[in-house]
Amino acid sequence: MNNPQVLQLCDIEKSYKIAGSKELKIFEGVDLNISESELVGIIAPSGTGKTSLLSISGLLDKPSGGSVTILGQHSNSLTVNQRNSIRRNHIGFVFQSSNLLNEFSAVENVAISKIIKGFNFQDSLEYAEKLLSQVGLENHLNSRPLELSGGEQQRVAICRAIVNGPQLLLADEPTGNLDHENSKLVFDLLLEMVKQKKVSALIATHNLDLIKKMDRVLKLTKAGLIDL
């Protein structure tokens, strides 16, 4: 029996209007199915649109053509509020920059997503503490982002991405700003947390050593995705 499809992209294309009536086509014909608990890696040369593809997959942006289906729900005709609801309840994001809130501590940065969803304040903090301890940050719970190293900030960002139990995790060069040692540490932690929580993941990276740890690897071109 096949695993349920968490993300389905069908004939996705993306283009942008430039001078006059001209359009710049980034990619077209992108088809992708990601099953439950599957880890899929994407490699792509600069300018081929991997960030755009991840944004489309996470309903942060709309495709110029094609359809996006998440957990069986077609997204093309959804309202803004419905798209926001799917992101909030089912999708986690990790970016190249941690994008943490500098005015909040590490534990608050992780807990805030649960609090916004209506979970009990103290319960949210306790769960955030548990996640941060699992990635070795038990001594930095009350540290502000600027007091943390780049690798530590990304570990906080990973915890924030999975704190609400998403079914899909999207990561865009999550170790791109880190040195080799920290890249390996953060990436291994990311994969460990994803597997532990049985999350499906689409991860874009230029690091060929890290990409080998995926279930599947695809290359994004202007003509679509190619299996490697």
Foldseek 3Di string as FASTA:
>chain_A
DFAQWFKWWAFFWAWAADPDRDIGTLATGATDTFGFLAEEEEEEDPSSQPVVVLCCQLVVDPTPDTWMAGRNRTDPPDDPVVSVVCNLQAEFEAEQALPFDQVFFLLCSQLVSVVVVPDDSVVSSVLSCVQLVLLPCNVRRRPGPVVDDRLSSLSSSLSSRCVNPHQEYEYEQNCVVDDPVSSVSSLVSSSVVSNVSRHYYYYYHPDPVSNVPGPWYWYRHRHYIDTD
